[in-house]
N, C-alpha and C. Protein backbone atom coordinates (compact mmCIF):
# COMPACT_ATOMS: atom_id res chain seq x y z
N UNK A 1 176.98 69.67 289.65
CA UNK A 1 175.89 69.65 288.67
C UNK A 1 174.54 69.98 289.32
N UNK A 2 174.35 69.51 290.55
CA UNK A 2 173.11 69.78 291.25
C UNK A 2 172.94 71.27 291.49
N UNK A 3 174.05 71.92 291.86
CA UNK A 3 174.03 73.36 292.10
C UNK A 3 173.72 74.13 290.81
N UNK A 4 174.31 73.68 289.70
CA UNK A 4 174.07 74.32 288.40
C UNK A 4 172.60 74.17 288.00
N UNK A 5 172.07 72.97 288.22
CA UNK A 5 170.67 72.72 287.88
C UNK A 5 169.73 73.61 288.68
N UNK A 6 170.04 73.79 289.95
CA UNK A 6 169.20 74.63 290.81
C UNK A 6 169.25 76.08 290.35
N UNK A 7 170.45 76.56 290.01
CA UNK A 7 170.60 77.93 289.54
C UNK A 7 169.87 78.14 288.21
N UNK A 8 169.93 77.11 287.35
CA UNK A 8 169.25 77.20 286.06
C UNK A 8 167.74 77.32 286.25
N UNK A 9 167.18 76.50 287.15
CA UNK A 9 165.74 76.54 287.40
C UNK A 9 165.34 77.90 287.97
N UNK A 10 166.14 78.44 288.88
CA UNK A 10 165.85 79.74 289.45
C UNK A 10 165.85 80.82 288.37
N UNK A 11 166.84 80.74 287.49
CA UNK A 11 166.91 81.71 286.40
C UNK A 11 165.74 81.58 285.45
N UNK A 12 165.36 80.32 285.16
CA UNK A 12 164.24 80.06 284.27
C UNK A 12 162.94 80.61 284.85
N UNK A 13 162.73 80.39 286.15
CA UNK A 13 161.52 80.88 286.80
C UNK A 13 161.47 82.41 286.81
N UNK A 14 162.64 83.05 286.81
CA UNK A 14 162.69 84.51 286.83
C UNK A 14 162.38 85.10 285.47
N UNK A 15 162.92 84.48 284.40
CA UNK A 15 162.77 85.08 283.07
C UNK A 15 161.55 84.58 282.30
N UNK A 16 161.02 83.40 282.68
CA UNK A 16 159.90 82.83 281.92
C UNK A 16 158.68 83.74 281.89
N UNK A 17 158.22 84.30 283.05
CA UNK A 17 157.06 85.20 282.99
C UNK A 17 157.31 86.41 282.08
N UNK A 18 158.54 86.94 282.11
CA UNK A 18 158.87 88.10 281.27
C UNK A 18 158.82 87.71 279.80
N UNK A 19 159.41 86.56 279.47
CA UNK A 19 159.44 86.11 278.08
C UNK A 19 158.03 85.85 277.55
N UNK A 20 157.20 85.18 278.35
CA UNK A 20 155.83 84.88 277.92
C UNK A 20 155.04 86.17 277.71
N UNK A 21 155.18 87.11 278.66
CA UNK A 21 154.46 88.39 278.54
C UNK A 21 154.89 89.15 277.29
N UNK A 22 156.21 89.23 277.07
CA UNK A 22 156.72 89.94 275.89
C UNK A 22 156.28 89.25 274.60
N UNK A 23 156.24 87.92 274.63
CA UNK A 23 155.82 87.19 273.44
C UNK A 23 154.35 87.47 273.12
N UNK A 24 153.50 87.52 274.15
CA UNK A 24 152.09 87.81 273.92
C UNK A 24 151.90 89.21 273.35
N UNK A 25 152.66 90.18 273.90
CA UNK A 25 152.59 91.55 273.37
C UNK A 25 153.07 91.57 271.92
N UNK A 26 154.17 90.84 271.66
CA UNK A 26 154.70 90.77 270.29
C UNK A 26 153.69 90.12 269.35
N UNK A 27 153.04 89.05 269.80
CA UNK A 27 152.05 88.36 268.97
C UNK A 27 150.88 89.26 268.64
N UNK A 28 150.38 89.99 269.64
CA UNK A 28 149.28 90.91 269.40
C UNK A 28 149.67 92.00 268.41
N UNK A 29 150.90 92.54 268.58
CA UNK A 29 151.37 93.61 267.71
C UNK A 29 151.54 93.12 266.27
N UNK A 30 152.17 91.95 266.10
CA UNK A 30 152.41 91.44 264.75
C UNK A 30 151.10 91.03 264.07
N UNK A 31 150.14 90.51 264.86
CA UNK A 31 148.85 90.15 264.29
C UNK A 31 148.11 91.39 263.80
N UNK A 32 148.11 92.44 264.63
CA UNK A 32 147.46 93.69 264.24
C UNK A 32 148.13 94.28 263.01
N UNK A 33 149.47 94.24 262.99
CA UNK A 33 150.21 94.78 261.85
C UNK A 33 149.93 93.99 260.59
N UNK A 34 149.84 92.68 260.72
CA UNK A 34 149.62 91.83 259.56
C UNK A 34 148.22 91.98 259.00
N UNK A 35 147.22 91.94 259.87
CA UNK A 35 145.82 91.97 259.41
C UNK A 35 145.39 93.39 259.06
N UNK A 36 145.51 94.30 260.05
CA UNK A 36 145.05 95.67 259.82
C UNK A 36 145.98 96.42 258.87
N UNK A 37 147.29 96.11 258.98
CA UNK A 37 148.24 96.78 258.10
C UNK A 37 147.96 96.50 256.64
N UNK A 38 147.54 95.28 256.33
CA UNK A 38 147.22 94.92 254.94
C UNK A 38 146.04 95.75 254.43
N UNK A 39 145.06 95.95 255.30
CA UNK A 39 143.88 96.74 254.91
C UNK A 39 144.27 98.20 254.67
N UNK A 40 145.07 98.75 255.61
CA UNK A 40 145.48 100.15 255.48
C UNK A 40 146.34 100.34 254.24
N UNK A 41 147.23 99.39 253.97
CA UNK A 41 148.10 99.48 252.80
C UNK A 41 147.28 99.46 251.51
N UNK A 42 146.21 98.69 251.53
CA UNK A 42 145.34 98.63 250.35
C UNK A 42 144.63 99.96 250.11
N UNK A 43 144.30 100.66 251.21
CA UNK A 43 143.56 101.92 251.11
C UNK A 43 144.46 103.09 250.73
N UNK A 44 145.64 103.20 251.40
CA UNK A 44 146.47 104.39 251.19
C UNK A 44 147.68 104.13 250.30
N UNK A 45 147.93 102.86 249.96
CA UNK A 45 149.00 102.55 249.02
C UNK A 45 150.39 102.82 249.55
N UNK A 46 151.20 103.54 248.76
CA UNK A 46 152.61 103.76 249.10
C UNK A 46 152.81 104.67 250.30
N UNK A 47 151.76 105.34 250.73
CA UNK A 47 151.88 106.23 251.89
C UNK A 47 151.93 105.45 253.21
N UNK A 48 151.77 104.13 253.12
CA UNK A 48 151.76 103.31 254.34
C UNK A 48 153.11 103.32 255.04
N UNK A 49 153.10 103.45 256.35
CA UNK A 49 154.30 103.42 257.18
C UNK A 49 154.19 102.24 258.14
N UNK A 50 155.23 101.39 258.24
CA UNK A 50 155.17 100.26 259.18
C UNK A 50 154.81 100.72 260.59
N UNK A 51 153.89 100.02 261.21
CA UNK A 51 153.44 100.38 262.55
C UNK A 51 152.04 100.96 262.56
N UNK A 52 151.54 101.35 261.38
CA UNK A 52 150.19 101.90 261.32
C UNK A 52 149.13 100.86 261.68
N UNK A 53 149.42 99.59 261.39
CA UNK A 53 148.49 98.53 261.75
C UNK A 53 148.30 98.43 263.26
N UNK A 54 149.42 98.51 263.99
CA UNK A 54 149.37 98.46 265.46
C UNK A 54 148.63 99.68 265.99
N UNK A 55 148.97 100.86 265.44
CA UNK A 55 148.30 102.10 265.87
C UNK A 55 146.81 102.05 265.60
N UNK A 56 146.45 101.54 264.41
CA UNK A 56 145.04 101.45 264.06
C UNK A 56 144.31 100.48 264.99
N UNK A 57 144.96 99.35 265.33
CA UNK A 57 144.36 98.39 266.26
C UNK A 57 144.12 99.01 267.62
N UNK A 58 145.10 99.80 268.09
CA UNK A 58 144.96 100.49 269.38
C UNK A 58 143.79 101.47 269.34
N UNK A 59 143.69 102.24 268.24
CA UNK A 59 142.62 103.23 268.12
C UNK A 59 141.25 102.57 268.03
N UNK A 60 141.17 101.42 267.34
CA UNK A 60 139.90 100.70 267.26
C UNK A 60 139.46 100.24 268.64
N UNK A 61 140.41 99.66 269.39
CA UNK A 61 140.09 99.18 270.74
C UNK A 61 139.66 100.32 271.64
N UNK A 62 140.39 101.43 271.55
CA UNK A 62 140.03 102.61 272.34
C UNK A 62 138.66 103.14 271.94
N UNK A 63 138.39 103.14 270.63
CA UNK A 63 137.10 103.62 270.15
C UNK A 63 135.94 102.77 270.63
N UNK A 64 136.13 101.46 270.64
CA UNK A 64 135.08 100.56 271.14
C UNK A 64 134.83 100.84 272.62
N UNK A 65 135.90 101.05 273.38
CA UNK A 65 135.75 101.36 274.80
C UNK A 65 134.96 102.64 275.02
N UNK A 66 135.22 103.65 274.18
CA UNK A 66 134.49 104.92 274.29
C UNK A 66 133.03 104.75 273.89
N UNK A 67 132.79 104.01 272.81
CA UNK A 67 131.42 103.81 272.34
C UNK A 67 130.58 103.01 273.33
N UNK A 68 131.24 102.12 274.09
CA UNK A 68 130.50 101.33 275.08
C UNK A 68 129.97 102.17 276.23
N UNK A 69 130.40 103.43 276.28
CA UNK A 69 129.85 104.34 277.29
C UNK A 69 128.47 104.84 276.87
N UNK A 70 128.12 104.66 275.58
CA UNK A 70 126.83 105.11 275.06
C UNK A 70 125.80 103.98 275.16
N UNK A 71 124.61 104.32 275.62
CA UNK A 71 123.56 103.32 275.81
C UNK A 71 123.22 102.62 274.51
N UNK A 72 123.08 103.37 273.41
CA UNK A 72 122.68 102.80 272.14
C UNK A 72 123.71 101.77 271.64
N UNK A 73 124.99 102.12 271.75
CA UNK A 73 126.03 101.18 271.30
C UNK A 73 126.06 99.94 272.17
N UNK A 74 125.87 100.10 273.49
CA UNK A 74 125.83 98.94 274.38
C UNK A 74 124.67 98.03 274.00
N UNK A 75 123.55 98.62 273.60
CA UNK A 75 122.38 97.83 273.20
C UNK A 75 122.69 97.03 271.94
N UNK A 76 123.31 97.69 270.95
CA UNK A 76 123.68 97.01 269.71
C UNK A 76 124.69 95.90 270.00
N UNK A 77 125.66 96.19 270.86
CA UNK A 77 126.68 95.21 271.23
C UNK A 77 126.04 93.99 271.91
N UNK A 78 125.06 94.24 272.77
CA UNK A 78 124.37 93.16 273.46
C UNK A 78 123.59 92.29 272.48
N UNK A 79 123.00 92.92 271.47
CA UNK A 79 122.28 92.16 270.44
C UNK A 79 123.25 91.27 269.66
N UNK A 80 124.45 91.81 269.39
CA UNK A 80 125.47 91.01 268.71
C UNK A 80 125.89 89.82 269.55
N UNK A 81 126.06 90.04 270.86
CA UNK A 81 126.41 88.94 271.77
C UNK A 81 125.31 87.89 271.78
N UNK A 82 124.06 88.35 271.82
CA UNK A 82 122.93 87.42 271.84
C UNK A 82 122.91 86.57 270.58
N UNK A 83 123.29 87.18 269.44
CA UNK A 83 123.33 86.43 268.19
C UNK A 83 124.42 85.35 268.23
N UNK A 84 125.59 85.69 268.76
CA UNK A 84 126.68 84.73 268.87
C UNK A 84 126.29 83.56 269.78
N UNK A 85 125.51 83.86 270.81
CA UNK A 85 125.14 82.83 271.77
C UNK A 85 124.04 81.92 271.25
N UNK A 86 123.57 82.17 270.02
CA UNK A 86 122.58 81.28 269.42
C UNK A 86 123.21 80.33 268.42
N UNK A 87 124.49 80.53 268.13
CA UNK A 87 125.18 79.70 267.14
C UNK A 87 125.83 78.51 267.85
N UNK A 88 125.44 77.28 267.53
CA UNK A 88 126.03 76.09 268.17
C UNK A 88 127.55 76.08 268.02
N UNK A 89 128.25 75.71 269.06
CA UNK A 89 129.71 75.68 269.02
C UNK A 89 130.30 77.03 269.36
N UNK A 90 129.92 78.05 268.60
CA UNK A 90 130.40 79.40 268.87
C UNK A 90 129.90 79.87 270.23
N UNK A 91 128.68 79.48 270.57
CA UNK A 91 128.08 79.87 271.84
C UNK A 91 128.95 79.47 273.02
N UNK A 92 129.37 78.19 273.05
CA UNK A 92 130.17 77.69 274.16
C UNK A 92 131.54 78.35 274.20
N UNK A 93 132.17 78.48 273.02
CA UNK A 93 133.51 79.06 272.96
C UNK A 93 133.49 80.53 273.38
N UNK A 94 132.56 81.30 272.81
CA UNK A 94 132.49 82.72 273.13
C UNK A 94 132.16 82.93 274.61
N UNK A 95 131.20 82.17 275.12
CA UNK A 95 130.81 82.32 276.52
C UNK A 95 131.96 82.01 277.47
N UNK A 96 132.73 80.97 277.16
CA UNK A 96 133.85 80.58 278.02
C UNK A 96 134.93 81.66 278.03
N UNK A 97 135.28 82.16 276.83
CA UNK A 97 136.32 83.19 276.73
C UNK A 97 135.87 84.47 277.41
N UNK A 98 134.62 84.87 277.19
CA UNK A 98 134.10 86.09 277.81
C UNK A 98 134.12 86.00 279.33
N UNK A 99 133.69 84.86 279.87
CA UNK A 99 133.66 84.70 281.32
C UNK A 99 135.07 84.68 281.90
N UNK A 100 136.01 84.03 281.19
CA UNK A 100 137.38 83.97 281.67
C UNK A 100 137.99 85.37 281.72
N UNK A 101 137.81 86.13 280.63
CA UNK A 101 138.33 87.49 280.60
C UNK A 101 137.67 88.35 281.68
N UNK A 102 136.39 88.10 281.92
CA UNK A 102 135.67 88.87 282.92
C UNK A 102 136.24 88.73 284.32
N UNK A 103 136.86 87.58 284.62
CA UNK A 103 137.46 87.40 285.94
C UNK A 103 138.59 88.38 286.18
N UNK A 104 139.27 88.81 285.10
CA UNK A 104 140.41 89.70 285.24
C UNK A 104 140.05 91.15 284.95
N UNK A 105 138.77 91.42 284.70
CA UNK A 105 138.33 92.78 284.41
C UNK A 105 138.02 93.48 285.73
N UNK A 106 138.86 94.45 286.08
CA UNK A 106 138.69 95.14 287.36
C UNK A 106 137.36 95.88 287.45
N UNK A 107 136.81 96.31 286.30
CA UNK A 107 135.55 97.04 286.31
C UNK A 107 134.37 96.12 286.64
N UNK A 108 134.57 94.79 286.56
CA UNK A 108 133.49 93.85 286.82
C UNK A 108 133.73 93.03 288.08
N UNK A 109 134.77 93.34 288.82
CA UNK A 109 135.08 92.53 289.99
C UNK A 109 134.01 92.64 291.06
N UNK A 110 133.16 93.68 290.97
CA UNK A 110 132.09 93.81 291.95
C UNK A 110 131.10 92.64 291.84
N UNK A 111 131.05 91.99 290.65
CA UNK A 111 130.16 90.86 290.46
C UNK A 111 130.77 89.55 290.95
N UNK A 112 132.08 89.47 291.01
CA UNK A 112 132.77 88.26 291.43
C UNK A 112 133.88 88.64 292.40
N UNK A 113 133.51 89.24 293.51
CA UNK A 113 134.53 89.79 294.40
C UNK A 113 134.69 88.99 295.68
N UNK A 114 134.10 87.80 295.73
CA UNK A 114 134.15 87.02 296.96
C UNK A 114 134.97 85.74 296.76
N UNK A 115 136.14 85.71 297.38
CA UNK A 115 136.98 84.52 297.36
C UNK A 115 136.66 83.68 298.59
N UNK A 116 136.51 82.38 298.40
CA UNK A 116 136.14 81.51 299.51
C UNK A 116 136.94 80.22 299.48
N UNK A 117 136.98 79.56 300.62
CA UNK A 117 137.50 78.21 300.72
C UNK A 117 136.30 77.28 300.87
N UNK A 118 136.24 76.26 300.03
CA UNK A 118 135.12 75.31 300.07
C UNK A 118 135.56 74.05 300.80
N UNK A 119 134.87 73.73 301.87
CA UNK A 119 135.20 72.55 302.65
C UNK A 119 134.70 71.29 301.95
N UNK A 120 135.56 70.30 301.83
CA UNK A 120 135.18 69.03 301.21
C UNK A 120 135.58 67.88 302.13
N UNK A 121 134.92 66.76 301.95
CA UNK A 121 135.25 65.58 302.76
C UNK A 121 134.97 65.83 304.24
N UNK A 122 136.00 65.68 305.05
CA UNK A 122 135.84 65.83 306.49
C UNK A 122 136.03 67.28 306.94
N UNK A 123 135.96 68.20 306.02
CA UNK A 123 136.11 69.64 306.26
C UNK A 123 137.54 70.07 306.55
N UNK A 124 138.47 69.12 306.66
CA UNK A 124 139.87 69.48 306.85
C UNK A 124 140.56 69.76 305.52
N UNK A 125 139.92 69.34 304.44
CA UNK A 125 140.42 69.61 303.09
C UNK A 125 139.57 70.71 302.48
N UNK A 126 140.23 71.74 301.93
CA UNK A 126 139.48 72.86 301.37
C UNK A 126 140.05 73.26 300.01
N UNK A 127 139.16 73.74 299.15
CA UNK A 127 139.53 74.20 297.81
C UNK A 127 139.22 75.69 297.71
N UNK A 128 140.12 76.45 297.05
CA UNK A 128 139.88 77.87 296.87
C UNK A 128 139.03 78.10 295.63
N UNK A 129 138.03 78.96 295.76
CA UNK A 129 137.15 79.25 294.64
C UNK A 129 136.60 80.66 294.70
N UNK A 130 135.81 81.00 293.68
CA UNK A 130 135.20 82.32 293.56
C UNK A 130 133.69 82.18 293.49
N UNK A 131 132.99 82.88 294.34
CA UNK A 131 131.53 82.83 294.33
C UNK A 131 131.03 83.57 293.09
N UNK A 132 130.27 82.89 292.24
CA UNK A 132 129.77 83.50 291.02
C UNK A 132 128.27 83.78 291.06
N UNK A 133 127.57 83.14 291.97
CA UNK A 133 126.12 83.37 292.06
C UNK A 133 125.62 82.99 293.44
N UNK A 134 124.75 83.85 294.00
CA UNK A 134 124.11 83.56 295.28
C UNK A 134 122.60 83.57 295.18
N UNK A 135 122.09 83.94 294.01
CA UNK A 135 120.65 83.98 293.79
C UNK A 135 120.30 83.13 292.57
N UNK A 136 119.35 82.21 292.74
CA UNK A 136 118.98 81.27 291.67
C UNK A 136 117.53 81.44 291.24
N UNK A 137 116.93 82.58 291.58
CA UNK A 137 115.51 82.78 291.28
C UNK A 137 115.22 82.77 289.79
N UNK A 138 116.21 83.17 288.97
CA UNK A 138 115.98 83.26 287.53
C UNK A 138 116.35 81.97 286.79
N UNK A 139 116.68 80.91 287.55
CA UNK A 139 117.08 79.64 286.94
C UNK A 139 116.06 78.55 287.25
N UNK A 140 116.06 77.47 286.47
CA UNK A 140 115.11 76.38 286.72
C UNK A 140 115.26 75.79 288.12
N UNK A 141 114.19 75.28 288.65
CA UNK A 141 114.20 74.70 289.99
C UNK A 141 115.11 73.48 290.04
N UNK A 142 115.83 73.33 291.13
CA UNK A 142 116.71 72.19 291.31
C UNK A 142 118.18 72.54 291.19
N UNK A 143 118.49 73.73 290.64
CA UNK A 143 119.89 74.13 290.51
C UNK A 143 120.42 74.68 291.83
N UNK A 144 119.63 75.50 292.49
CA UNK A 144 120.06 76.07 293.75
C UNK A 144 118.90 76.69 294.50
N UNK A 145 119.14 77.02 295.78
CA UNK A 145 118.11 77.67 296.59
C UNK A 145 118.76 78.76 297.42
N UNK A 146 118.02 79.28 298.40
CA UNK A 146 118.54 80.41 299.19
C UNK A 146 119.63 79.99 300.16
N UNK A 147 119.88 78.69 300.28
CA UNK A 147 120.96 78.20 301.14
C UNK A 147 122.15 77.68 300.33
N UNK A 148 122.15 77.99 299.02
CA UNK A 148 123.18 77.47 298.13
C UNK A 148 123.89 78.62 297.41
N UNK A 149 125.16 78.42 297.12
CA UNK A 149 125.92 79.37 296.30
C UNK A 149 126.62 78.60 295.20
N UNK A 150 126.87 79.28 294.08
CA UNK A 150 127.65 78.71 292.99
C UNK A 150 129.09 79.19 293.14
N UNK A 151 130.01 78.25 293.12
CA UNK A 151 131.43 78.58 293.30
C UNK A 151 132.22 78.02 292.12
N UNK A 152 133.03 78.89 291.51
CA UNK A 152 133.91 78.46 290.42
C UNK A 152 135.25 78.05 291.01
N UNK A 153 135.69 76.83 290.69
CA UNK A 153 136.96 76.31 291.18
C UNK A 153 137.94 76.23 290.00
N UNK A 154 138.82 77.24 289.86
CA UNK A 154 139.80 77.19 288.76
C UNK A 154 140.83 76.11 289.01
N UNK A 155 141.43 75.60 287.92
CA UNK A 155 142.43 74.54 288.02
C UNK A 155 143.82 75.10 287.82
N UNK A 156 144.79 74.54 288.51
CA UNK A 156 146.15 75.03 288.46
C UNK A 156 146.80 74.78 287.11
N UNK A 157 147.57 75.77 286.64
CA UNK A 157 148.41 75.65 285.45
C UNK A 157 147.66 75.35 284.17
N UNK A 158 146.36 75.65 284.12
CA UNK A 158 145.64 75.46 282.87
C UNK A 158 144.38 76.29 282.89
N UNK A 159 143.84 76.57 281.70
CA UNK A 159 142.62 77.33 281.59
C UNK A 159 141.44 76.38 281.67
N UNK A 160 140.92 76.23 282.86
CA UNK A 160 139.81 75.32 283.05
C UNK A 160 139.37 75.35 284.50
N UNK A 161 138.31 74.65 284.81
CA UNK A 161 137.83 74.63 286.18
C UNK A 161 136.44 74.02 286.24
N UNK A 162 135.85 74.08 287.44
CA UNK A 162 134.53 73.51 287.67
C UNK A 162 133.66 74.52 288.39
N UNK A 163 132.38 74.50 288.07
CA UNK A 163 131.40 75.30 288.81
C UNK A 163 130.56 74.35 289.63
N UNK A 164 130.57 74.53 290.94
CA UNK A 164 129.85 73.63 291.83
C UNK A 164 128.83 74.41 292.65
N UNK A 165 127.75 73.73 293.03
CA UNK A 165 126.74 74.30 293.91
C UNK A 165 126.94 73.72 295.29
N UNK A 166 127.20 74.56 296.26
CA UNK A 166 127.50 74.07 297.61
C UNK A 166 126.66 74.82 298.64
N UNK A 167 126.37 74.19 299.77
CA UNK A 167 125.66 74.89 300.85
C UNK A 167 126.50 76.04 301.39
N UNK A 168 125.86 77.09 301.81
CA UNK A 168 126.58 78.26 302.32
C UNK A 168 127.43 77.93 303.54
N UNK A 169 127.02 76.92 304.33
CA UNK A 169 127.79 76.59 305.52
C UNK A 169 129.06 75.80 305.20
N UNK A 170 129.28 75.52 303.90
CA UNK A 170 130.49 74.81 303.48
C UNK A 170 131.56 75.75 302.94
N UNK A 171 131.27 77.05 302.92
CA UNK A 171 132.26 77.99 302.41
C UNK A 171 132.73 78.93 303.52
N UNK A 172 133.97 79.36 303.39
CA UNK A 172 134.57 80.27 304.36
C UNK A 172 135.23 81.42 303.59
N UNK A 173 134.78 82.67 303.80
CA UNK A 173 135.33 83.81 303.08
C UNK A 173 136.83 83.98 303.33
N UNK A 174 137.55 84.42 302.29
CA UNK A 174 138.99 84.67 302.38
C UNK A 174 139.25 86.10 301.90
N UNK A 175 140.09 86.81 302.60
CA UNK A 175 140.38 88.21 302.26
C UNK A 175 141.41 88.28 301.12
N UNK A 176 140.99 87.86 299.92
CA UNK A 176 141.82 87.93 298.72
C UNK A 176 140.99 88.48 297.57
N UNK A 177 141.58 89.39 296.77
CA UNK A 177 140.90 89.88 295.59
C UNK A 177 140.88 88.78 294.53
N UNK A 178 140.01 88.97 293.53
CA UNK A 178 139.85 87.96 292.48
C UNK A 178 141.17 87.66 291.78
N UNK A 179 141.90 88.71 291.37
CA UNK A 179 143.14 88.48 290.63
C UNK A 179 144.19 87.79 291.49
N UNK A 180 144.19 88.09 292.81
CA UNK A 180 145.14 87.45 293.72
C UNK A 180 144.78 85.98 293.91
N UNK A 181 143.47 85.69 294.02
CA UNK A 181 143.02 84.31 294.18
C UNK A 181 143.34 83.49 292.94
N UNK A 182 143.09 84.07 291.75
CA UNK A 182 143.39 83.36 290.51
C UNK A 182 144.89 83.10 290.39
N UNK A 183 145.69 84.10 290.77
CA UNK A 183 147.15 83.94 290.72
C UNK A 183 147.59 82.81 291.64
N UNK A 184 146.99 82.75 292.81
CA UNK A 184 147.34 81.71 293.79
C UNK A 184 147.00 80.32 293.26
N UNK A 185 145.76 80.18 292.72
CA UNK A 185 145.31 78.87 292.26
C UNK A 185 146.03 78.43 291.00
N UNK A 186 146.16 79.34 290.02
CA UNK A 186 146.76 78.98 288.74
C UNK A 186 148.24 78.64 288.85
N UNK A 187 148.88 79.09 289.94
CA UNK A 187 150.29 78.75 290.15
C UNK A 187 150.43 77.67 291.23
N UNK A 188 149.32 76.97 291.51
CA UNK A 188 149.32 75.88 292.50
C UNK A 188 149.78 76.35 293.88
N UNK A 189 149.42 77.59 294.22
CA UNK A 189 149.75 78.11 295.54
C UNK A 189 151.14 78.68 295.67
N UNK A 190 151.89 78.72 294.56
CA UNK A 190 153.26 79.23 294.62
C UNK A 190 153.27 80.74 294.79
N UNK A 191 152.32 81.44 294.13
CA UNK A 191 152.33 82.89 294.13
C UNK A 191 150.98 83.42 294.61
N UNK A 192 151.05 84.40 295.51
CA UNK A 192 149.84 85.07 295.99
C UNK A 192 150.22 86.47 296.43
N UNK A 193 150.67 87.28 295.49
CA UNK A 193 151.15 88.61 295.81
C UNK A 193 150.02 89.49 296.28
N UNK A 194 150.21 90.15 297.40
CA UNK A 194 149.24 91.09 297.95
C UNK A 194 150.00 92.32 298.39
N UNK A 195 150.09 93.31 297.51
CA UNK A 195 150.89 94.49 297.79
C UNK A 195 150.28 95.35 298.89
N UNK A 196 149.02 95.12 299.16
CA UNK A 196 148.39 95.94 300.18
C UNK A 196 148.68 95.49 301.59
N UNK A 197 149.31 94.31 301.74
CA UNK A 197 149.60 93.78 303.07
C UNK A 197 151.07 93.47 303.21
N UNK A 198 151.57 93.63 304.36
CA UNK A 198 152.96 93.32 304.64
C UNK A 198 153.05 91.95 305.31
N UNK A 199 154.06 91.21 304.94
CA UNK A 199 154.27 89.91 305.57
C UNK A 199 154.71 90.10 307.01
N UNK A 200 154.18 89.32 307.92
CA UNK A 200 154.58 89.46 309.31
C UNK A 200 156.05 89.11 309.50
N UNK A 201 156.70 89.88 310.32
CA UNK A 201 158.10 89.61 310.61
C UNK A 201 158.22 88.50 311.62
N UNK A 202 159.13 87.56 311.41
CA UNK A 202 159.24 86.42 312.34
C UNK A 202 159.76 86.86 313.69
């Protein structure tokens, strides 16, 4: 029974990421088909073909990406974001989701590209984090100075974390990209795939 249990866990660990990924893709597709498909069906009637909702959702997303290349559209989009950030409740939710997604956006990794280990206690204990700010000139006095950095410490197995202000001499740079560091922390150190490096042979 012990052997069977071990094999079952190994199998579960292998298929679970695939199942979750496929489910998320399925959820996005069915949501687009349900919401956008209903609108398209109302407009074109019997000419509607199943799948047009998904296609329309893809085209809308692609169109927004193209429009964001234009200065005027980026300005309008920024004004919309500013409006959302003035609404109580919505402000916190939108800001949190936007920042979380931004960590996985390769086009923005230049802003959060420094993975560090933060020394705590007697310095023998360290936490992995991401440097999010090194300049505090635009913030109220008392948050940070030229010897301080802001570090985001994500929590394992959940969407959450802490932002701490620590002295620069308490951090140690680590040669890991943002997505690799997040993968390492969110899986409690189980996974840290780095395709650009080969594991040393024993």
